[in-house]
Amino acid sequence: MAAAGLGRGPTDGESRLARVLREKFPRASAIKVVDISGGCGAMYEIHIESEEFREKRTVQQHQMVNQALSEEIKHMHGLRIFTSAPKP
């Protein structure tokens, strides 16, 4: 799901990125996307918890996210990625 800030719903960019991530990571138990650029869509923070990340190094997890968002990243200035596998 896209994140909602205090008193606001998700931006179009947050919703779009969350939708792409849900498609690319169908086993994700949590997806949070936050526009940290003040709403202009230039920089996002992404948190994903997914079984797909189990037994993968952090750099591999982040590469998976970058690959999933390869088209969207072309229009961004920056991206913060936080990934994890669900606790057993």
PDB file of N, CA and C in Angstrom:
ATOM      1  N   MET A   1       0.839  -1.175   0.000  1.00  0.00           N
ATOM      2  CA  MET A   1       0.000   0.000   0.000  1.00  0.00           C
ATOM      3  C   MET A   1       0.880   1.231   0.000  1.00  0.00           C
ATOM      4  N   ALA A   2       0.368   2.270  -0.620  1.00  0.00           N
ATOM      5  CA  ALA A   2       1.093   3.532  -0.597  1.00  0.00           C
ATOM      6  C   ALA A   2       0.888   4.178   0.763  1.00  0.00           C
ATOM      7  N   ALA A   3       1.853   4.924   1.180  1.00  0.00           N
ATOM      8  CA  ALA A   3       1.771   5.563   2.496  1.00  0.00           C
ATOM      9  C   ALA A   3       0.925   6.814   2.411  1.00  0.00           C
ATOM     10  N   ALA A   4       0.266   7.104   3.466  1.00  0.00           N
ATOM     11  CA  ALA A   4      -0.471   8.365   3.565  1.00  0.00           C
ATOM     12  C   ALA A   4       0.163   9.171   4.680  1.00  0.00           C
ATOM     13  N   GLY A   5       0.505  10.399   4.366  1.00  0.00           N
ATOM     14  CA  GLY A   5       1.082  11.264   5.381  1.00  0.00           C
ATOM     15  C   GLY A   5      -0.015  11.730   6.319  1.00  0.00           C
ATOM     16  N   LEU A   6       0.330  12.594   7.231  1.00  0.00           N
ATOM     17  CA  LEU A   6      -0.654  13.102   8.182  1.00  0.00           C
ATOM     18  C   LEU A   6      -1.746  13.851   7.432  1.00  0.00           C
ATOM     19  N   GLY A   7      -2.940  13.305   7.461  1.00  0.00           N
ATOM     20  CA  GLY A   7      -4.074  13.976   6.873  1.00  0.00           C
ATOM     21  C   GLY A   7      -4.116  14.013   5.361  1.00  0.00           C
ATOM     22  N   ARG A   8      -3.305  13.232   4.685  1.00  0.00           N
ATOM     23  CA  ARG A   8      -3.358  13.229   3.223  1.00  0.00           C
ATOM     24  C   ARG A   8      -3.363  11.802   2.700  1.00  0.00           C
ATOM     25  N   GLY A   9      -3.960  11.632   1.553  1.00  0.00           N
ATOM     26  CA  GLY A   9      -3.926  10.336   0.897  1.00  0.00           C
ATOM     27  C   GLY A   9      -2.654  10.227   0.080  1.00  0.00           C
ATOM     28  N   PRO A  10      -2.427   9.078  -0.519  1.00  0.00           N
ATOM     29  CA  PRO A  10      -1.215   8.895  -1.324  1.00  0.00           C
ATOM     30  C   PRO A  10      -1.230   9.802  -2.565  1.00  0.00           C
ATOM     31  N   THR A  11      -0.055  10.259  -2.962  1.00  0.00           N
ATOM     32  CA  THR A  11       0.062  11.033  -4.199  1.00  0.00           C
ATOM     33  C   THR A  11      -0.069  10.065  -5.373  1.00  0.00           C
ATOM     34  N   ASP A  12      -0.250  10.605  -6.569  1.00  0.00           N
ATOM     35  CA  ASP A  12      -0.332   9.753  -7.759  1.00  0.00           C
ATOM     36  C   ASP A  12       0.943   8.937  -7.923  1.00  0.00           C
ATOM     37  N   GLY A  13       2.087   9.579  -7.673  1.00  0.00           N
ATOM     38  CA  GLY A  13       3.367   8.877  -7.795  1.00  0.00           C
ATOM     39  C   GLY A  13       3.501   7.747  -6.792  1.00  0.00           C
ATOM     40  N   GLU A  14       3.091   8.000  -5.544  1.00  0.00           N
ATOM     41  CA  GLU A  14       3.140   6.948  -4.519  1.00  0.00           C
ATOM     42  C   GLU A  14       2.267   5.766  -4.930  1.00  0.00           C
ATOM     43  N   SER A  15       1.065   6.061  -5.400  1.00  0.00           N
ATOM     44  CA  SER A  15       0.142   4.997  -5.808  1.00  0.00           C
ATOM     45  C   SER A  15       0.697   4.211  -6.985  1.00  0.00           C
ATOM     46  N   ARG A  16       1.266   4.913  -7.965  1.00  0.00           N
ATOM     47  CA  ARG A  16       1.816   4.256  -9.158  1.00  0.00           C
ATOM     48  C   ARG A  16       2.972   3.332  -8.777  1.00  0.00           C
ATOM     49  N   LEU A  17       3.904   3.831  -7.960  1.00  0.00           N
ATOM     50  CA  LEU A  17       5.043   3.003  -7.561  1.00  0.00           C
ATOM     51  C   LEU A  17       4.597   1.804  -6.730  1.00  0.00           C
ATOM     52  N   ALA A  18       3.662   2.012  -5.821  1.00  0.00           N
ATOM     53  CA  ALA A  18       3.156   0.895  -5.002  1.00  0.00           C
ATOM     54  C   ALA A  18       2.507  -0.162  -5.879  1.00  0.00           C
ATOM     55  N   ARG A  19       1.769   0.273  -6.901  1.00  0.00           N
ATOM     56  CA  ARG A  19       1.117  -0.672  -7.814  1.00  0.00           C
ATOM     57  C   ARG A  19       2.165  -1.501  -8.571  1.00  0.00           C
ATOM     58  N   VAL A  20       3.196  -0.848  -9.075  1.00  0.00           N
ATOM     59  CA  VAL A  20       4.267  -1.565  -9.794  1.00  0.00           C
ATOM     60  C   VAL A  20       4.947  -2.557  -8.853  1.00  0.00           C
ATOM     61  N   LEU A  21       5.241  -2.124  -7.637  1.00  0.00           N
ATOM     62  CA  LEU A  21       5.918  -3.008  -6.680  1.00  0.00           C
ATOM     63  C   LEU A  21       5.044  -4.201  -6.291  1.00  0.00           C
ATOM     64  N   ARG A  22       3.727  -3.995  -6.145  1.00  0.00           N
ATOM     65  CA  ARG A  22       2.834  -5.119  -5.842  1.00  0.00           C
ATOM     66  C   ARG A  22       2.828  -6.137  -6.980  1.00  0.00           C
ATOM     67  N   GLU A  23       2.902  -5.642  -8.221  1.00  0.00           N
ATOM     68  CA  GLU A  23       2.944  -6.545  -9.383  1.00  0.00           C
ATOM     69  C   GLU A  23       4.259  -7.324  -9.429  1.00  0.00           C
ATOM     70  N   LYS A  24       5.362  -6.648  -9.139  1.00  0.00           N
ATOM     71  CA  LYS A  24       6.691  -7.266  -9.225  1.00  0.00           C
ATOM     72  C   LYS A  24       7.029  -8.132  -8.017  1.00  0.00           C
ATOM     73  N   PHE A  25       6.416  -7.831  -6.873  1.00  0.00           N
ATOM     74  CA  PHE A  25       6.666  -8.584  -5.640  1.00  0.00           C
ATOM     75  C   PHE A  25       5.338  -9.088  -5.079  1.00  0.00           C
ATOM     76  N   PRO A  26       4.730 -10.080  -5.750  1.00  0.00           N
ATOM     77  CA  PRO A  26       3.402 -10.555  -5.329  1.00  0.00           C
ATOM     78  C   PRO A  26       3.385 -11.195  -3.940  1.00  0.00           C
ATOM     79  N   ARG A  27       4.534 -11.608  -3.435  1.00  0.00           N
ATOM     80  CA  ARG A  27       4.592 -12.232  -2.113  1.00  0.00           C
ATOM     81  C   ARG A  27       4.912 -11.231  -1.003  1.00  0.00           C
ATOM     82  N   ALA A  28       4.937  -9.947  -1.345  1.00  0.00           N
ATOM     83  CA  ALA A  28       5.243  -8.909  -0.351  1.00  0.00           C
ATOM     84  C   ALA A  28       4.161  -8.863   0.719  1.00  0.00           C
ATOM     85  N   SER A  29       4.600  -8.827   1.969  1.00  0.00           N
ATOM     86  CA  SER A  29       3.657  -8.714   3.080  1.00  0.00           C
ATOM     87  C   SER A  29       3.458  -7.252   3.469  1.00  0.00           C
ATOM     88  N   ALA A  30       4.349  -6.369   3.027  1.00  0.00           N
ATOM     89  CA  ALA A  30       4.212  -4.936   3.299  1.00  0.00           C
ATOM     90  C   ALA A  30       4.956  -4.143   2.229  1.00  0.00           C
ATOM     91  N   ILE A  31       4.284  -3.112   1.720  1.00  0.00           N
ATOM     92  CA  ILE A  31       4.888  -2.176   0.773  1.00  0.00           C
ATOM     93  C   ILE A  31       4.470  -0.777   1.194  1.00  0.00           C
ATOM     94  N   LYS A  32       5.454   0.087   1.387  1.00  0.00           N
ATOM     95  CA  LYS A  32       5.176   1.474   1.776  1.00  0.00           C
ATOM     96  C   LYS A  32       6.001   2.379   0.874  1.00  0.00           C
ATOM     97  N   VAL A  33       5.334   3.327   0.243  1.00  0.00           N
ATOM     98  CA  VAL A  33       5.991   4.283  -0.645  1.00  0.00           C
ATOM     99  C   VAL A  33       5.668   5.687  -0.156  1.00  0.00           C
ATOM    100  N   VAL A  34       6.701   6.497   0.049  1.00  0.00           N
ATOM    101  CA  VAL A  34       6.505   7.866   0.526  1.00  0.00           C
ATOM    102  C   VAL A  34       7.274   8.829  -0.379  1.00  0.00           C
ATOM    103  N   ASP A  35       6.572   9.827  -0.899  1.00  0.00           N
ATOM    104  CA  ASP A  35       7.212  10.889  -1.671  1.00  0.00           C
ATOM    105  C   ASP A  35       7.897  11.810  -0.668  1.00  0.00           C
ATOM    106  N   ILE A  36       9.223  11.827  -0.682  1.00  0.00           N
ATOM    107  CA  ILE A  36       9.971  12.645   0.279  1.00  0.00           C
ATOM    108  C   ILE A  36      10.520  13.909  -0.379  1.00  0.00           C
ATOM    109  N   SER A  37       9.949  14.254  -1.549  1.00  0.00           N
ATOM    110  CA  SER A  37      10.397  15.447  -2.262  1.00  0.00           C
ATOM    111  C   SER A  37       9.431  16.606  -2.082  1.00  0.00           C
ATOM    112  N   GLY A  38       8.496  16.463  -1.163  1.00  0.00           N
ATOM    113  CA  GLY A  38       7.522  17.529  -0.965  1.00  0.00           C
ATOM    114  C   GLY A  38       6.340  17.432  -1.912  1.00  0.00           C
ATOM    115  N   GLY A  39       6.198  16.305  -2.575  1.00  0.00           N
ATOM    116  CA  GLY A  39       5.045  16.086  -3.438  1.00  0.00           C
ATOM    117  C   GLY A  39       5.318  16.219  -4.922  1.00  0.00           C
ATOM    118  N   CYS A  40       6.537  16.576  -5.308  1.00  0.00           N
ATOM    119  CA  CYS A  40       6.813  16.759  -6.737  1.00  0.00           C
ATOM    120  C   CYS A  40       7.209  15.458  -7.438  1.00  0.00           C
ATOM    121  N   GLY A  41       7.436  14.389  -6.682  1.00  0.00           N
ATOM    122  CA  GLY A  41       7.736  13.099  -7.285  1.00  0.00           C
ATOM    123  C   GLY A  41       9.179  12.895  -7.691  1.00  0.00           C
ATOM    124  N   ALA A  42      10.084  13.722  -7.188  1.00  0.00           N
ATOM    125  CA  ALA A  42      11.492  13.611  -7.564  1.00  0.00           C
ATOM    126  C   ALA A  42      12.262  12.611  -6.715  1.00  0.00           C
ATOM    127  N   MET A  43      11.777  12.337  -5.487  1.00  0.00           N
ATOM    128  CA  MET A  43      12.492  11.424  -4.597  1.00  0.00           C
ATOM    129  C   MET A  43      11.490  10.654  -3.741  1.00  0.00           C
ATOM    130  N   TYR A  44      11.743   9.363  -3.613  1.00  0.00           N
ATOM    131  CA  TYR A  44      10.836   8.497  -2.850  1.00  0.00           C
ATOM    132  C   TYR A  44      11.615   7.661  -1.853  1.00  0.00           C
ATOM    133  N   GLU A  45      10.910   7.279  -0.799  1.00  0.00           N
ATOM    134  CA  GLU A  45      11.419   6.310   0.164  1.00  0.00           C
ATOM    135  C   GLU A  45      10.497   5.103   0.070  1.00  0.00           C
ATOM    136  N   ILE A  46      11.107   3.939  -0.080  1.00  0.00           N
ATOM    137  CA  ILE A  46      10.345   2.702  -0.280  1.00  0.00           C
ATOM    138  C   ILE A  46      10.748   1.681   0.771  1.00  0.00           C
ATOM    139  N   HIS A  47       9.745   1.099   1.407  1.00  0.00           N
ATOM    140  CA  HIS A  47       9.947   0.006   2.365  1.00  0.00           C
ATOM    141  C   HIS A  47       9.186  -1.210   1.832  1.00  0.00           C
ATOM    142  N   ILE A  48       9.892  -2.327   1.691  1.00  0.00           N
ATOM    143  CA  ILE A  48       9.242  -3.549   1.220  1.00  0.00           C
ATOM    144  C   ILE A  48       9.680  -4.714   2.096  1.00  0.00           C
ATOM    145  N   GLU A  49       8.694  -5.464   2.549  1.00  0.00           N
ATOM    146  CA  GLU A  49       8.956  -6.727   3.244  1.00  0.00           C
ATOM    147  C   GLU A  49       8.383  -7.818   2.357  1.00  0.00           C
ATOM    148  N   SER A  50       9.253  -8.725   1.893  1.00  0.00           N
ATOM    149  CA  SER A  50       8.805  -9.745   0.960  1.00  0.00           C
ATOM    150  C   SER A  50       9.588 -11.041   1.123  1.00  0.00           C
ATOM    151  N   GLU A  51       8.885 -12.114   0.938  1.00  0.00           N
ATOM    152  CA  GLU A  51       9.497 -13.444   0.976  1.00  0.00           C
ATOM    153  C   GLU A  51      10.543 -13.588  -0.134  1.00  0.00           C
ATOM    154  N   GLU A  52      10.374 -12.846  -1.232  1.00  0.00           N
ATOM    155  CA  GLU A  52      11.345 -12.906  -2.341  1.00  0.00           C
ATOM    156  C   GLU A  52      12.750 -12.513  -1.904  1.00  0.00           C
ATOM    157  N   PHE A  53      12.861 -11.766  -0.795  1.00  0.00           N
ATOM    158  CA  PHE A  53      14.158 -11.292  -0.328  1.00  0.00           C
ATOM    159  C   PHE A  53      14.877 -12.283   0.586  1.00  0.00           C
ATOM    160  N   ARG A  54      14.192 -13.324   0.989  1.00  0.00           N
ATOM    161  CA  ARG A  54      14.793 -14.281   1.931  1.00  0.00           C
ATOM    162  C   ARG A  54      16.080 -14.866   1.343  1.00  0.00           C
ATOM    163  N   GLU A  55      17.112 -14.924   2.175  1.00  0.00           N
ATOM    164  CA  GLU A  55      18.428 -15.481   1.828  1.00  0.00           C
ATOM    165  C   GLU A  55      19.155 -14.707   0.733  1.00  0.00           C
ATOM    166  N   LYS A  56      18.741 -13.453   0.507  1.00  0.00           N
ATOM    167  CA  LYS A  56      19.452 -12.593  -0.428  1.00  0.00           C
ATOM    168  C   LYS A  56      20.153 -11.496   0.365  1.00  0.00           C
ATOM    169  N   ARG A  57      21.336 -11.114  -0.098  1.00  0.00           N
ATOM    170  CA  ARG A  57      22.049 -10.011   0.538  1.00  0.00           C
ATOM    171  C   ARG A  57      21.309  -8.702   0.269  1.00  0.00           C
ATOM    172  N   THR A  58      21.533  -7.716   1.122  1.00  0.00           N
ATOM    173  CA  THR A  58      20.853  -6.424   0.980  1.00  0.00           C
ATOM    174  C   THR A  58      21.067  -5.834  -0.406  1.00  0.00           C
ATOM    175  N   VAL A  59      22.287  -5.889  -0.902  1.00  0.00           N
ATOM    176  CA  VAL A  59      22.557  -5.315  -2.222  1.00  0.00           C
ATOM    177  C   VAL A  59      21.736  -6.033  -3.298  1.00  0.00           C
ATOM    178  N   GLN A  60      21.560  -7.339  -3.175  1.00  0.00           N
ATOM    179  CA  GLN A  60      20.740  -8.084  -4.134  1.00  0.00           C
ATOM    180  C   GLN A  60      19.266  -7.667  -4.028  1.00  0.00           C
ATOM    181  N   GLN A  61      18.789  -7.472  -2.808  1.00  0.00           N
ATOM    182  CA  GLN A  61      17.407  -7.032  -2.603  1.00  0.00           C
ATOM    183  C   GLN A  61      17.181  -5.676  -3.263  1.00  0.00           C
ATOM    184  N   HIS A  62      18.125  -4.765  -3.061  1.00  0.00           N
ATOM    185  CA  HIS A  62      17.994  -3.426  -3.622  1.00  0.00           C
ATOM    186  C   HIS A  62      18.082  -3.460  -5.141  1.00  0.00           C
ATOM    187  N   GLN A  63      18.912  -4.338  -5.686  1.00  0.00           N
ATOM    188  CA  GLN A  63      18.987  -4.489  -7.140  1.00  0.00           C
ATOM    189  C   GLN A  63      17.652  -4.976  -7.702  1.00  0.00           C
ATOM    190  N   MET A  64      16.984  -5.859  -6.971  1.00  0.00           N
ATOM    191  CA  MET A  64      15.672  -6.352  -7.396  1.00  0.00           C
ATOM    192  C   MET A  64      14.660  -5.204  -7.457  1.00  0.00           C
ATOM    193  N   VAL A  65      14.688  -4.328  -6.464  1.00  0.00           N
ATOM    194  CA  VAL A  65      13.772  -3.182  -6.436  1.00  0.00           C
ATOM    195  C   VAL A  65      14.112  -2.216  -7.569  1.00  0.00           C
ATOM    196  N   ASN A  66      15.395  -1.926  -7.746  1.00  0.00           N
ATOM    197  CA  ASN A  66      15.809  -1.039  -8.833  1.00  0.00           C
ATOM    198  C   ASN A  66      15.379  -1.582 -10.187  1.00  0.00           C
ATOM    199  N   GLN A  67      15.517  -2.884 -10.378  1.00  0.00           N
ATOM    200  CA  GLN A  67      15.103  -3.502 -11.639  1.00  0.00           C
ATOM    201  C   GLN A  67      13.591  -3.390 -11.817  1.00  0.00           C
ATOM    202  N   ALA A  68      12.840  -3.640 -10.749  1.00  0.00           N
ATOM    203  CA  ALA A  68      11.378  -3.568 -10.818  1.00  0.00           C
ATOM    204  C   ALA A  68      10.906  -2.159 -11.183  1.00  0.00           C
ATOM    205  N   LEU A  69      11.649  -1.150 -10.752  1.00  0.00           N
ATOM    206  CA  LEU A  69      11.272   0.246 -10.990  1.00  0.00           C
ATOM    207  C   LEU A  69      12.138   0.915 -12.052  1.00  0.00           C
ATOM    208  N   SER A  70      12.745   0.138 -12.925  1.00  0.00           N
ATOM    209  CA  SER A  70      13.719   0.688 -13.870  1.00  0.00           C
ATOM    210  C   SER A  70      13.154   1.824 -14.725  1.00  0.00           C
ATOM    211  N   GLU A  71      11.927   1.716 -15.176  1.00  0.00           N
ATOM    212  CA  GLU A  71      11.328   2.787 -15.984  1.00  0.00           C
ATOM    213  C   GLU A  71      11.017   4.015 -15.132  1.00  0.00           C
ATOM    214  N   GLU A  72      10.468   3.798 -13.943  1.00  0.00           N
ATOM    215  CA  GLU A  72      10.081   4.903 -13.070  1.00  0.00           C
ATOM    216  C   GLU A  72      11.297   5.683 -12.562  1.00  0.00           C
ATOM    217  N   ILE A  73      12.404   4.964 -12.327  1.00  0.00           N
ATOM    218  CA  ILE A  73      13.618   5.594 -11.796  1.00  0.00           C
ATOM    219  C   ILE A  73      14.174   6.633 -12.763  1.00  0.00           C
ATOM    220  N   LYS A  74      13.935   6.454 -14.037  1.00  0.00           N
ATOM    221  CA  LYS A  74      14.445   7.398 -15.043  1.00  0.00           C
ATOM    222  C   LYS A  74      13.944   8.821 -14.799  1.00  0.00           C
ATOM    223  N   HIS A  75      12.813   8.958 -14.107  1.00  0.00           N
ATOM    224  CA  HIS A  75      12.197  10.269 -13.890  1.00  0.00           C
ATOM    225  C   HIS A  75      12.409  10.792 -12.465  1.00  0.00           C
ATOM    226  N   MET A  76      13.272  10.129 -11.695  1.00  0.00           N
ATOM    227  CA  MET A  76      13.502  10.512 -10.300  1.00  0.00           C
ATOM    228  C   MET A  76      14.898  11.090 -10.113  1.00  0.00           C
ATOM    229  N   HIS A  77      15.046  11.850  -9.045  1.00  0.00           N
ATOM    230  CA  HIS A  77      16.368  12.336  -8.651  1.00  0.00           C
ATOM    231  C   HIS A  77      17.002  11.416  -7.614  1.00  0.00           C
ATOM    232  N   GLY A  78      16.171  10.715  -6.858  1.00  0.00           N
ATOM    233  CA  GLY A  78      16.715   9.841  -5.828  1.00  0.00           C
ATOM    234  C   GLY A  78      15.691   8.850  -5.317  1.00  0.00           C
ATOM    235  N   LEU A  79      16.205   7.802  -4.676  1.00  0.00           N
ATOM    236  CA  LEU A  79      15.366   6.734  -4.162  1.00  0.00           C
ATOM    237  C   LEU A  79      16.044   6.140  -2.937  1.00  0.00           C
ATOM    238  N   ARG A  80      15.316   6.077  -1.832  1.00  0.00           N
ATOM    239  CA  ARG A  80      15.806   5.395  -0.625  1.00  0.00           C
ATOM    240  C   ARG A  80      15.067   4.068  -0.555  1.00  0.00           C
ATOM    241  N   ILE A  81      15.815   2.995  -0.400  1.00  0.00           N
ATOM    242  CA  ILE A  81      15.213   1.661  -0.399  1.00  0.00           C
ATOM    243  C   ILE A  81      15.526   0.966   0.919  1.00  0.00           C
ATOM    244  N   PHE A  82      14.487   0.421   1.538  1.00  0.00           N
ATOM    245  CA  PHE A  82      14.615  -0.392   2.749  1.00  0.00           C
ATOM    246  C   PHE A  82      13.899  -1.709   2.470  1.00  0.00           C
ATOM    247  N   THR A  83      14.620  -2.803   2.565  1.00  0.00           N
ATOM    248  CA  THR A  83      14.041  -4.110   2.272  1.00  0.00           C
ATOM    249  C   THR A  83      14.275  -5.074   3.415  1.00  0.00           C
ATOM    250  N   SER A  84      13.392  -6.070   3.500  1.00  0.00           N
ATOM    251  CA  SER A  84      13.563  -7.136   4.504  1.00  0.00           C
ATOM    252  C   SER A  84      12.693  -8.320   4.111  1.00  0.00           C
ATOM    253  N   ALA A  85      13.032  -9.459   4.691  1.00  0.00           N
ATOM    254  CA  ALA A  85      12.198 -10.660   4.560  1.00  0.00           C
ATOM    255  C   ALA A  85      11.374 -10.748   5.833  1.00  0.00           C
ATOM    256  N   PRO A  86      10.156 -11.311   5.728  1.00  0.00           N
ATOM    257  CA  PRO A  86       9.341 -11.461   6.943  1.00  0.00           C
ATOM    258  C   PRO A  86      10.040 -12.318   7.978  1.00  0.00           C
ATOM    259  N   LYS A  87       9.777 -12.034   9.230  1.00  0.00           N
ATOM    260  CA  LYS A  87      10.341 -12.870  10.307  1.00  0.00           C
ATOM    261  C   LYS A  87       9.707 -14.255  10.210  1.00  0.00           C
ATOM    262  N   PRO A  88      10.504 -15.315  10.448  1.00  0.00           N
ATOM    263  CA  PRO A  88       9.945 -16.681  10.350  1.00  0.00           C
ATOM    264  C   PRO A  88       8.906 -16.953  11.417  1.00  0.00           C
TER     265      PRO A  88
END
